[in-house]
Amino acid sequence: MPVARRTDAVLFLIALVWGSSYLAAKTATETLPVTTVLFARYAISALACGALVASRRRARRWTRAEVRAGAVLGVTQAAVLVLETYGVAHTSAANAGLIISLTIVLTPLLDRTAGSGRLPGRFFGAAGLCVLAVGLLTAGTGFHALRLGDALVLAAALVRAGHVALVGRLTAHRPMDPLHLTTVQTVVGSALFLAPALTDLPALAHSSAATWSQLVYLALFCSVFAFLAQTWAVQRTSASRASLLLGTEPIWAVAIGISLGGERLTVWASVGAVLMIVGTYWGQAVERAHRTALPQPV
């Protein structure tokens, strides 16, 4: 499989995993405080990353650039997750998955990895189509006036756009190990949420098997796999294109809501789903043509 298609497939898989994360996070925060859920998610992720590093046949040397970049990205990723998780605790999982997809129109405004040339207007037309799709999907699932949870997820979308652009900026054309970067991020996140979660650690230890399964899923799939895969993919494409493909996340959120949550897909939501797919592929094609037309650095 060509590198471009393989990269796109990985980004779509990340979107699917993240689309399923809102229901898991919302369910987990119904039994545990948000900071405890985040600490457990990061701590399990850090242990898994440490095990992966130790299991390598050939140890790779850690560089200062990896540690510095991982520390910065760890803070920005933690900011995204704290806003997202507090947001989903105060709104529906569907709303959270839909609002966060606005990252696709915010990222190009911050992205500088696609080259010095300005993105053509057609790209923003595609992004606008995706925003319209989000509106239809939201209306189709009963979206109403902005609430606290919705505002927090909207803030998370803005911070995530900055995070995705920052991943590209810090790792582009630099020989960085995605596993090292992810390990640093998870250690930083664990340290940030340890103190707020200390008083609730006994409750965490006595949580049900269902809660632990949700925490493990959030950690291993939505964090370790997604962080590693996102870093790997962004290093092989631009942040704008990555954001567009990750923008299919609400489609997966709706699909999972229907298959696992018993939700119904209305006519308007169906139209929104189609527009999201069309807008994503259109924007991807425009961005790819724009990027390949730019002069490559020698």
C-alpha atoms as a PDB file:
ATOM      1  CA  MET A   1       0.000   0.000   0.000  1.00  0.00           C
ATOM      2  CA  PRO A   2       1.413   3.460  -0.913  1.00  0.00           C
ATOM      3  CA  VAL A   3       2.577   5.567   2.016  1.00  0.00           C
ATOM      4  CA  ALA A   4      -0.118   8.220   1.421  1.00  0.00           C
ATOM      5  CA  ARG A   5      -2.957   5.676   1.522  1.00  0.00           C
ATOM      6  CA  ARG A   6      -1.469   3.913   4.536  1.00  0.00           C
ATOM      7  CA  THR A   7      -1.217   7.247   6.342  1.00  0.00           C
ATOM      8  CA  ASP A   8      -4.835   8.090   5.472  1.00  0.00           C
ATOM      9  CA  ALA A   9      -6.007   4.662   6.700  1.00  0.00           C
ATOM     10  CA  VAL A  10      -4.249   5.177  10.034  1.00  0.00           C
ATOM     11  CA  LEU A  11      -5.828   8.625  10.441  1.00  0.00           C
ATOM     12  CA  PHE A  12      -9.292   7.208   9.717  1.00  0.00           C
ATOM     13  CA  LEU A  13      -8.702   4.485  12.334  1.00  0.00           C
ATOM     14  CA  ILE A  14      -7.704   7.118  14.883  1.00  0.00           C
ATOM     15  CA  ALA A  15     -10.931   8.979  14.095  1.00  0.00           C
ATOM     16  CA  LEU A  16     -12.924   5.790  14.674  1.00  0.00           C
ATOM     17  CA  VAL A  17     -11.247   5.161  18.032  1.00  0.00           C
ATOM     18  CA  TRP A  18     -11.697   8.752  19.146  1.00  0.00           C
ATOM     19  CA  GLY A  19     -15.309   8.684  17.971  1.00  0.00           C
ATOM     20  CA  SER A  20     -15.898   5.855  20.427  1.00  0.00           C
ATOM     21  CA  SER A  21     -14.032   7.571  23.261  1.00  0.00           C
ATOM     22  CA  TYR A  22     -16.784  10.024  24.217  1.00  0.00           C
ATOM     23  CA  LEU A  23     -19.230   7.349  25.308  1.00  0.00           C
ATOM     24  CA  ALA A  24     -16.487   5.583  27.295  1.00  0.00           C
ATOM     25  CA  ALA A  25     -15.355   8.829  28.943  1.00  0.00           C
ATOM     26  CA  LYS A  26     -18.897   9.928  29.769  1.00  0.00           C
ATOM     27  CA  THR A  27     -19.675   6.553  31.341  1.00  0.00           C
ATOM     28  CA  ALA A  28     -16.435   6.578  33.351  1.00  0.00           C
ATOM     29  CA  THR A  29     -17.038  10.106  34.691  1.00  0.00           C
ATOM     30  CA  GLU A  30     -20.439   9.032  35.978  1.00  0.00           C
ATOM     31  CA  THR A  31     -18.659   6.926  38.623  1.00  0.00           C
ATOM     32  CA  LEU A  32     -15.336   8.743  39.088  1.00  0.00           C
ATOM     33  CA  PRO A  33     -14.227  12.422  39.127  1.00  0.00           C
ATOM     34  CA  VAL A  34     -12.812  13.776  35.869  1.00  0.00           C
ATOM     35  CA  THR A  35      -9.277  14.260  37.238  1.00  0.00           C
ATOM     36  CA  THR A  36      -9.222  10.674  38.536  1.00  0.00           C
ATOM     37  CA  VAL A  37     -10.334   9.333  35.164  1.00  0.00           C
ATOM     38  CA  LEU A  38      -7.617  11.370  33.455  1.00  0.00           C
ATOM     39  CA  PHE A  39      -4.927  10.273  35.927  1.00  0.00           C
ATOM     40  CA  ALA A  40      -5.847   6.610  35.438  1.00  0.00           C
ATOM     41  CA  ARG A  41      -5.899   7.066  31.674  1.00  0.00           C
ATOM     42  CA  TYR A  42      -2.460   8.656  31.645  1.00  0.00           C
ATOM     43  CA  ALA A  43      -0.923   6.317  34.238  1.00  0.00           C
ATOM     44  CA  ILE A  44      -2.026   3.184  32.378  1.00  0.00           C
ATOM     45  CA  SER A  45      -0.775   4.747  29.148  1.00  0.00           C
ATOM     46  CA  ALA A  46       2.603   5.544  30.704  1.00  0.00           C
ATOM     47  CA  LEU A  47       3.007   1.968  31.944  1.00  0.00           C
ATOM     48  CA  ALA A  48       2.112   0.614  28.502  1.00  0.00           C
ATOM     49  CA  CYS A  49       4.570   2.951  26.772  1.00  0.00           C
ATOM     50  CA  GLY A  50       7.290   2.025  29.248  1.00  0.00           C
ATOM     51  CA  ALA A  51       6.668  -1.655  28.515  1.00  0.00           C
ATOM     52  CA  LEU A  52       6.899  -1.007  24.770  1.00  0.00           C
ATOM     53  CA  VAL A  53      10.183   0.866  25.176  1.00  0.00           C
ATOM     54  CA  ALA A  54      11.625  -1.914  27.357  1.00  0.00           C
ATOM     55  CA  SER A  55      10.503  -4.632  24.929  1.00  0.00           C
ATOM     56  CA  ARG A  56      12.480  -3.247  22.012  1.00  0.00           C
ATOM     57  CA  ARG A  57      15.272  -5.495  20.862  1.00  0.00           C
ATOM     58  CA  ARG A  58      17.463  -2.526  20.121  1.00  0.00           C
ATOM     59  CA  ALA A  59      17.306   0.354  22.540  1.00  0.00           C
ATOM     60  CA  ARG A  60      17.116   3.691  20.773  1.00  0.00           C
ATOM     61  CA  ARG A  61      18.916   6.658  22.236  1.00  0.00           C
ATOM     62  CA  TRP A  62      16.691   9.346  23.703  1.00  0.00           C
ATOM     63  CA  THR A  63      17.390  12.848  22.445  1.00  0.00           C
ATOM     64  CA  ARG A  64      16.887  16.180  24.157  1.00  0.00           C
ATOM     65  CA  ALA A  65      14.676  17.283  21.278  1.00  0.00           C
ATOM     66  CA  GLU A  66      12.328  14.328  21.906  1.00  0.00           C
ATOM     67  CA  VAL A  67      12.098  15.090  25.603  1.00  0.00           C
ATOM     68  CA  ARG A  68      11.528  18.818  25.037  1.00  0.00           C
ATOM     69  CA  ALA A  69       8.928  18.285  22.323  1.00  0.00           C
ATOM     70  CA  GLY A  70       7.230  15.505  24.291  1.00  0.00           C
ATOM     71  CA  ALA A  71       6.995  17.700  27.381  1.00  0.00           C
ATOM     72  CA  VAL A  72       5.396  20.573  25.456  1.00  0.00           C
ATOM     73  CA  LEU A  73       3.002  18.249  23.632  1.00  0.00           C
ATOM     74  CA  GLY A  74       2.198  16.525  26.919  1.00  0.00           C
ATOM     75  CA  VAL A  75       0.941  19.807  28.372  1.00  0.00           C
ATOM     76  CA  THR A  76      -1.124  20.712  25.292  1.00  0.00           C
ATOM     77  CA  GLN A  77      -2.575  17.192  25.020  1.00  0.00           C
ATOM     78  CA  ALA A  78      -3.486  17.258  28.723  1.00  0.00           C
ATOM     79  CA  ALA A  79      -5.239  20.587  28.169  1.00  0.00           C
ATOM     80  CA  VAL A  80      -7.253  19.053  25.320  1.00  0.00           C
ATOM     81  CA  LEU A  81      -8.274  16.042  27.397  1.00  0.00           C
ATOM     82  CA  VAL A  82      -9.217  17.996  30.511  1.00  0.00           C
ATOM     83  CA  LEU A  83     -11.465  20.324  28.483  1.00  0.00           C
ATOM     84  CA  GLU A  84     -12.899  17.405  26.500  1.00  0.00           C
ATOM     85  CA  THR A  85     -13.563  15.225  29.539  1.00  0.00           C
ATOM     86  CA  TYR A  86     -15.101  17.970  31.655  1.00  0.00           C
ATOM     87  CA  GLY A  87     -17.134  18.940  28.598  1.00  0.00           C
ATOM     88  CA  VAL A  88     -18.478  15.446  27.919  1.00  0.00           C
ATOM     89  CA  ALA A  89     -19.369  15.144  31.607  1.00  0.00           C
ATOM     90  CA  HIS A  90     -21.735  18.117  31.143  1.00  0.00           C
ATOM     91  CA  THR A  91     -23.149  17.408  27.690  1.00  0.00           C
ATOM     92  CA  SER A  92     -24.009  14.419  25.526  1.00  0.00           C
ATOM     93  CA  ALA A  93     -21.351  12.180  24.015  1.00  0.00           C
ATOM     94  CA  ALA A  94     -22.826  12.915  20.569  1.00  0.00           C
ATOM     95  CA  ASN A  95     -22.587  16.686  21.078  1.00  0.00           C
ATOM     96  CA  ALA A  96     -18.975  16.369  22.227  1.00  0.00           C
ATOM     97  CA  GLY A  97     -18.009  14.270  19.221  1.00  0.00           C
ATOM     98  CA  LEU A  98     -19.677  16.704  16.846  1.00  0.00           C
ATOM     99  CA  ILE A  99     -18.366  19.958  18.301  1.00  0.00           C
ATOM    100  CA  ILE A 100     -14.770  18.728  18.530  1.00  0.00           C
ATOM    101  CA  SER A 101     -14.773  18.183  14.761  1.00  0.00           C
ATOM    102  CA  LEU A 102     -14.613  21.957  14.307  1.00  0.00           C
ATOM    103  CA  THR A 103     -10.882  21.335  14.710  1.00  0.00           C
ATOM    104  CA  ILE A 104     -10.851  20.738  10.946  1.00  0.00           C
ATOM    105  CA  VAL A 105     -11.533  24.400  10.201  1.00  0.00           C
ATOM    106  CA  LEU A 106      -9.385  25.762  13.027  1.00  0.00           C
ATOM    107  CA  THR A 107      -6.196  23.806  12.312  1.00  0.00           C
ATOM    108  CA  PRO A 108      -5.443  25.314   8.856  1.00  0.00           C
ATOM    109  CA  LEU A 109      -5.454  28.764  10.462  1.00  0.00           C
ATOM    110  CA  LEU A 110      -2.608  27.643  12.746  1.00  0.00           C
ATOM    111  CA  ASP A 111      -0.799  25.150  10.497  1.00  0.00           C
ATOM    112  CA  ARG A 112       2.540  26.139   8.999  1.00  0.00           C
ATOM    113  CA  THR A 113       3.741  22.669   8.008  1.00  0.00           C
ATOM    114  CA  ALA A 114       1.896  22.593   4.672  1.00  0.00           C
ATOM    115  CA  GLY A 115       4.392  25.053   3.206  1.00  0.00           C
ATOM    116  CA  SER A 116       4.713  28.790   2.833  1.00  0.00           C
ATOM    117  CA  GLY A 117       1.983  29.041   0.207  1.00  0.00           C
ATOM    118  CA  ARG A 118      -1.475  30.053   1.311  1.00  0.00           C
ATOM    119  CA  LEU A 119      -4.116  27.329   1.142  1.00  0.00           C
ATOM    120  CA  PRO A 120      -6.551  27.932  -1.744  1.00  0.00           C
ATOM    121  CA  GLY A 121     -10.063  29.126  -1.068  1.00  0.00           C
ATOM    122  CA  ARG A 122     -11.474  25.759  -2.130  1.00  0.00           C
ATOM    123  CA  PHE A 123      -9.883  24.216   0.960  1.00  0.00           C
ATOM    124  CA  PHE A 124     -11.840  26.544   3.220  1.00  0.00           C
ATOM    125  CA  GLY A 125     -14.911  25.855   1.121  1.00  0.00           C
ATOM    126  CA  ALA A 126     -14.479  22.164   1.942  1.00  0.00           C
ATOM    127  CA  ALA A 127     -13.924  23.010   5.599  1.00  0.00           C
ATOM    128  CA  GLY A 128     -17.062  25.178   5.540  1.00  0.00           C
ATOM    129  CA  LEU A 129     -18.997  22.250   4.087  1.00  0.00           C
ATOM    130  CA  CYS A 130     -17.783  20.142   7.013  1.00  0.00           C
ATOM    131  CA  VAL A 131     -18.942  22.821   9.455  1.00  0.00           C
ATOM    132  CA  LEU A 132     -22.365  22.802   7.776  1.00  0.00           C
ATOM    133  CA  ALA A 133     -22.351  19.018   8.106  1.00  0.00           C
ATOM    134  CA  VAL A 134     -21.620  19.335  11.826  1.00  0.00           C
ATOM    135  CA  GLY A 135     -24.574  21.704  12.161  1.00  0.00           C
ATOM    136  CA  LEU A 136     -26.907  19.242  10.440  1.00  0.00           C
ATOM    137  CA  LEU A 137     -25.582  16.321  12.477  1.00  0.00           C
ATOM    138  CA  THR A 138     -26.006  18.343  15.654  1.00  0.00           C
ATOM    139  CA  ALA A 139     -29.554  19.366  14.758  1.00  0.00           C
ATOM    140  CA  GLY A 140     -30.274  15.761  13.876  1.00  0.00           C
ATOM    141  CA  THR A 141     -29.284  14.585  17.354  1.00  0.00           C
ATOM    142  CA  GLY A 142     -31.184  17.230  19.280  1.00  0.00           C
ATOM    143  CA  PHE A 143     -28.518  19.932  19.688  1.00  0.00           C
ATOM    144  CA  HIS A 144     -29.717  22.994  21.526  1.00  0.00           C
ATOM    145  CA  ALA A 145     -28.396  26.281  22.943  1.00  0.00           C
ATOM    146  CA  LEU A 146     -24.748  26.303  23.987  1.00  0.00           C
ATOM    147  CA  ARG A 147     -24.268  24.896  27.473  1.00  0.00           C
ATOM    148  CA  LEU A 148     -21.250  24.706  29.784  1.00  0.00           C
ATOM    149  CA  GLY A 149     -20.268  21.302  28.445  1.00  0.00           C
ATOM    150  CA  ASP A 150     -20.635  22.440  24.844  1.00  0.00           C
ATOM    151  CA  ALA A 151     -18.504  25.534  25.520  1.00  0.00           C
ATOM    152  CA  LEU A 152     -15.774  23.398  27.122  1.00  0.00           C
ATOM    153  CA  VAL A 153     -15.698  21.029  24.129  1.00  0.00           C
ATOM    154  CA  LEU A 154     -15.570  24.034  21.785  1.00  0.00           C
ATOM    155  CA  ALA A 155     -12.531  25.260  23.733  1.00  0.00           C
ATOM    156  CA  ALA A 156     -11.072  21.761  23.442  1.00  0.00           C
ATOM    157  CA  ALA A 157     -11.472  21.962  19.646  1.00  0.00           C
ATOM    158  CA  LEU A 158      -9.448  25.174  19.579  1.00  0.00           C
ATOM    159  CA  VAL A 159      -6.709  23.745  21.800  1.00  0.00           C
ATOM    160  CA  ARG A 160      -6.651  20.490  19.811  1.00  0.00           C
ATOM    161  CA  ALA A 161      -6.153  22.451  16.587  1.00  0.00           C
ATOM    162  CA  GLY A 162      -3.159  24.142  18.183  1.00  0.00           C
ATOM    163  CA  HIS A 163      -1.886  20.782  19.429  1.00  0.00           C
ATOM    164  CA  VAL A 164      -2.135  19.121  15.992  1.00  0.00           C
ATOM    165  CA  ALA A 165      -0.362  22.063  14.366  1.00  0.00           C
ATOM    166  CA  LEU A 166       2.281  21.973  17.110  1.00  0.00           C
ATOM    167  CA  VAL A 167       2.910  18.256  16.552  1.00  0.00           C
ATOM    168  CA  GLY A 168       3.679  19.033  12.930  1.00  0.00           C
ATOM    169  CA  ARG A 169       5.804  22.045  13.768  1.00  0.00           C
ATOM    170  CA  LEU A 170       7.925  20.286  16.407  1.00  0.00           C
ATOM    171  CA  THR A 171       8.393  17.000  14.560  1.00  0.00           C
ATOM    172  CA  ALA A 172       8.499  17.966  10.869  1.00  0.00           C
ATOM    173  CA  HIS A 173      11.822  17.062   9.208  1.00  0.00           C
ATOM    174  CA  ARG A 174      13.240  15.945  12.571  1.00  0.00           C
ATOM    175  CA  PRO A 175      14.291  12.363  13.358  1.00  0.00           C
ATOM    176  CA  MET A 176      12.076  11.833  16.398  1.00  0.00           C
ATOM    177  CA  ASP A 177      10.841   8.503  17.723  1.00  0.00           C
ATOM    178  CA  PRO A 178       7.012   8.575  18.062  1.00  0.00           C
ATOM    179  CA  LEU A 179       7.175   6.115  20.986  1.00  0.00           C
ATOM    180  CA  HIS A 180       9.606   8.329  22.873  1.00  0.00           C
ATOM    181  CA  LEU A 181       7.387  11.357  22.259  1.00  0.00           C
ATOM    182  CA  THR A 182       4.276   9.491  23.392  1.00  0.00           C
ATOM    183  CA  THR A 183       6.020   8.132  26.490  1.00  0.00           C
ATOM    184  CA  VAL A 184       7.065  11.627  27.558  1.00  0.00           C
ATOM    185  CA  GLN A 185       3.526  12.910  26.936  1.00  0.00           C
ATOM    186  CA  THR A 186       1.947  10.210  29.097  1.00  0.00           C
ATOM    187  CA  VAL A 187       4.459  10.726  31.925  1.00  0.00           C
ATOM    188  CA  VAL A 188       3.807  14.485  31.843  1.00  0.00           C
ATOM    189  CA  GLY A 189       0.044  13.890  31.880  1.00  0.00           C
ATOM    190  CA  SER A 190       0.321  11.455  34.814  1.00  0.00           C
ATOM    191  CA  ALA A 191       2.326  14.025  36.791  1.00  0.00           C
ATOM    192  CA  LEU A 192      -0.147  16.811  36.031  1.00  0.00           C
ATOM    193  CA  PHE A 193      -3.196  14.851  37.236  1.00  0.00           C
ATOM    194  CA  LEU A 194      -1.631  12.959  40.158  1.00  0.00           C
ATOM    195  CA  ALA A 195      -2.140  15.629  42.814  1.00  0.00           C
ATOM    196  CA  PRO A 196      -5.817  16.382  41.947  1.00  0.00           C
ATOM    197  CA  ALA A 197      -6.596  12.655  41.885  1.00  0.00           C
ATOM    198  CA  LEU A 198      -4.851  11.660  45.143  1.00  0.00           C
ATOM    199  CA  THR A 199      -7.915  11.860  47.385  1.00  0.00           C
ATOM    200  CA  ASP A 200      -9.951   9.677  45.027  1.00  0.00           C
ATOM    201  CA  LEU A 201      -7.391   6.904  44.481  1.00  0.00           C
ATOM    202  CA  PRO A 202      -9.175   4.557  46.942  1.00  0.00           C
ATOM    203  CA  ALA A 203     -12.388   4.935  44.942  1.00  0.00           C
ATOM    204  CA  LEU A 204     -10.411   4.229  41.776  1.00  0.00           C
ATOM    205  CA  ALA A 205      -8.928   1.066  43.269  1.00  0.00           C
ATOM    206  CA  HIS A 206     -12.388  -0.234  44.194  1.00  0.00           C
ATOM    207  CA  SER A 207     -14.018   0.634  40.862  1.00  0.00           C
ATOM    208  CA  SER A 208     -16.065  -1.979  39.053  1.00  0.00           C
ATOM    209  CA  ALA A 209     -14.717  -4.163  36.253  1.00  0.00           C
ATOM    210  CA  ALA A 210     -16.830  -2.183  33.773  1.00  0.00           C
ATOM    211  CA  THR A 211     -15.233   1.109  34.841  1.00  0.00           C
ATOM    212  CA  TRP A 212     -11.741  -0.375  34.661  1.00  0.00           C
ATOM    213  CA  SER A 213     -12.444  -1.735  31.183  1.00  0.00           C
ATOM    214  CA  GLN A 214     -13.445   1.763  30.072  1.00  0.00           C
ATOM    215  CA  LEU A 215     -10.296   3.250  31.599  1.00  0.00           C
ATOM    216  CA  VAL A 216      -8.083   0.624  29.960  1.00  0.00           C
ATOM    217  CA  TYR A 217      -9.783   1.230  26.600  1.00  0.00           C
ATOM    218  CA  LEU A 218      -9.305   4.984  26.927  1.00  0.00           C
ATOM    219  CA  ALA A 219      -5.659   4.476  27.862  1.00  0.00           C
ATOM    220  CA  LEU A 220      -4.486   1.788  25.452  1.00  0.00           C
ATOM    221  CA  PHE A 221      -6.568   2.586  22.389  1.00  0.00           C
ATOM    222  CA  CYS A 222      -7.626   6.232  22.660  1.00  0.00           C
ATOM    223  CA  SER A 223      -4.277   7.367  24.112  1.00  0.00           C
ATOM    224  CA  VAL A 224      -1.313   5.071  23.405  1.00  0.00           C
ATOM    225  CA  PHE A 225      -2.387   3.873  19.972  1.00  0.00           C
ATOM    226  CA  ALA A 226      -3.916   7.209  18.943  1.00  0.00           C
ATOM    227  CA  PHE A 227      -0.970   9.331  20.171  1.00  0.00           C
ATOM    228  CA  LEU A 228       1.589   7.077  18.510  1.00  0.00           C
ATOM    229  CA  ALA A 229      -0.367   6.815  15.293  1.00  0.00           C
ATOM    230  CA  GLN A 230      -1.110  10.552  15.155  1.00  0.00           C
ATOM    231  CA  THR A 231       2.556  11.464  15.575  1.00  0.00           C
ATOM    232  CA  TRP A 232       3.566   8.871  12.965  1.00  0.00           C
ATOM    233  CA  ALA A 233       0.933  10.107  10.508  1.00  0.00           C
ATOM    234  CA  VAL A 234       1.514  13.854  10.951  1.00  0.00           C
ATOM    235  CA  GLN A 235       5.230  13.287  10.314  1.00  0.00           C
ATOM    236  CA  ARG A 236       4.233  11.854   6.901  1.00  0.00           C
ATOM    237  CA  THR A 237       1.618  14.425   5.904  1.00  0.00           C
ATOM    238  CA  SER A 238       0.544  17.948   6.886  1.00  0.00           C
ATOM    239  CA  ALA A 239      -1.402  18.946   9.962  1.00  0.00           C
ATOM    240  CA  SER A 240      -4.201  20.351   7.776  1.00  0.00           C
ATOM    241  CA  ARG A 241      -4.725  17.077   5.944  1.00  0.00           C
ATOM    242  CA  ALA A 242      -4.487  15.102   9.171  1.00  0.00           C
ATOM    243  CA  SER A 243      -7.109  17.346  10.740  1.00  0.00           C
ATOM    244  CA  LEU A 244      -9.474  16.866   7.794  1.00  0.00           C
ATOM    245  CA  LEU A 245      -9.239  13.074   8.006  1.00  0.00           C
ATOM    246  CA  LEU A 246      -9.555  13.120  11.781  1.00  0.00           C
ATOM    247  CA  GLY A 247     -12.628  15.266  11.144  1.00  0.00           C
ATOM    248  CA  THR A 248     -14.539  12.090  10.255  1.00  0.00           C
ATOM    249  CA  GLU A 249     -14.627  11.447  13.995  1.00  0.00           C
ATOM    250  CA  PRO A 250     -18.274  12.594  14.395  1.00  0.00           C
ATOM    251  CA  ILE A 251     -19.362  10.101  11.737  1.00  0.00           C
ATOM    252  CA  TRP A 252     -17.910   7.296  13.812  1.00  0.00           C
ATOM    253  CA  ALA A 253     -19.425   8.797  16.963  1.00  0.00           C
ATOM    254  CA  VAL A 254     -22.886   8.744  15.368  1.00  0.00           C
ATOM    255  CA  ALA A 255     -22.371   5.209  14.009  1.00  0.00           C
ATOM    256  CA  ILE A 256     -21.312   3.932  17.436  1.00  0.00           C
ATOM    257  CA  GLY A 257     -24.218   5.744  19.047  1.00  0.00           C
ATOM    258  CA  ILE A 258     -26.608   3.949  16.699  1.00  0.00           C
ATOM    259  CA  SER A 259     -25.030   0.502  17.007  1.00  0.00           C
ATOM    260  CA  LEU A 260     -24.235   0.539  20.736  1.00  0.00           C
ATOM    261  CA  GLY A 261     -26.338   3.328  22.194  1.00  0.00           C
ATOM    262  CA  GLY A 262     -29.595   2.656  20.378  1.00  0.00           C
ATOM    263  CA  GLU A 263     -29.760   6.158  18.883  1.00  0.00           C
ATOM    264  CA  ARG A 264     -31.704   6.878  15.684  1.00  0.00           C
ATOM    265  CA  LEU A 265     -30.211   8.603  12.646  1.00  0.00           C
ATOM    266  CA  THR A 266     -32.623  11.278  11.437  1.00  0.00           C
ATOM    267  CA  VAL A 267     -32.913  12.546   7.862  1.00  0.00           C
ATOM    268  CA  TRP A 268     -30.967  15.716   8.695  1.00  0.00           C
ATOM    269  CA  ALA A 269     -28.245  13.725  10.430  1.00  0.00           C
ATOM    270  CA  SER A 270     -27.998  11.473   7.376  1.00  0.00           C
ATOM    271  CA  VAL A 271     -27.545  14.513   5.122  1.00  0.00           C
ATOM    272  CA  GLY A 272     -24.913  15.847   7.512  1.00  0.00           C
ATOM    273  CA  ALA A 273     -23.034  12.537   7.455  1.00  0.00           C
ATOM    274  CA  VAL A 274     -22.905  12.586   3.646  1.00  0.00           C
ATOM    275  CA  LEU A 275     -21.760  16.222   3.576  1.00  0.00           C
ATOM    276  CA  MET A 276     -19.029  15.459   6.128  1.00  0.00           C
ATOM    277  CA  ILE A 277     -17.646  12.661   3.969  1.00  0.00           C
ATOM    278  CA  VAL A 278     -17.835  14.786   0.798  1.00  0.00           C
ATOM    279  CA  GLY A 279     -16.206  17.771   2.509  1.00  0.00           C
ATOM    280  CA  THR A 280     -13.442  15.648   4.001  1.00  0.00           C
ATOM    281  CA  TYR A 281     -12.489  14.019   0.704  1.00  0.00           C
ATOM    282  CA  TRP A 282     -12.774  17.311  -1.189  1.00  0.00           C
ATOM    283  CA  GLY A 283     -10.570  19.140   1.290  1.00  0.00           C
ATOM    284  CA  GLN A 284      -8.083  16.263   1.310  1.00  0.00           C
ATOM    285  CA  ALA A 285      -7.770  16.416  -2.482  1.00  0.00           C
ATOM    286  CA  VAL A 286      -7.358  20.219  -2.489  1.00  0.00           C
ATOM    287  CA  GLU A 287      -4.741  20.130   0.275  1.00  0.00           C
ATOM    288  CA  ARG A 288      -2.780  17.302  -1.362  1.00  0.00           C
ATOM    289  CA  ALA A 289      -2.701  19.104  -4.727  1.00  0.00           C
ATOM    290  CA  HIS A 290      -1.630  22.337  -3.021  1.00  0.00           C
ATOM    291  CA  ARG A 291       1.128  20.645  -1.003  1.00  0.00           C
ATOM    292  CA  THR A 292       2.572  18.705  -3.943  1.00  0.00           C
ATOM    293  CA  ALA A 293       2.597  21.848  -6.096  1.00  0.00           C
ATOM    294  CA  LEU A 294       4.813  23.711  -3.610  1.00  0.00           C
ATOM    295  CA  PRO A 295       8.597  23.622  -4.193  1.00  0.00           C
ATOM    296  CA  GLN A 296      10.157  20.985  -1.954  1.00  0.00           C
ATOM    297  CA  PRO A 297      13.043  21.984   0.373  1.00  0.00           C
ATOM    298  CA  VAL A 298      16.455  20.875  -0.846  1.00  0.00           C
END
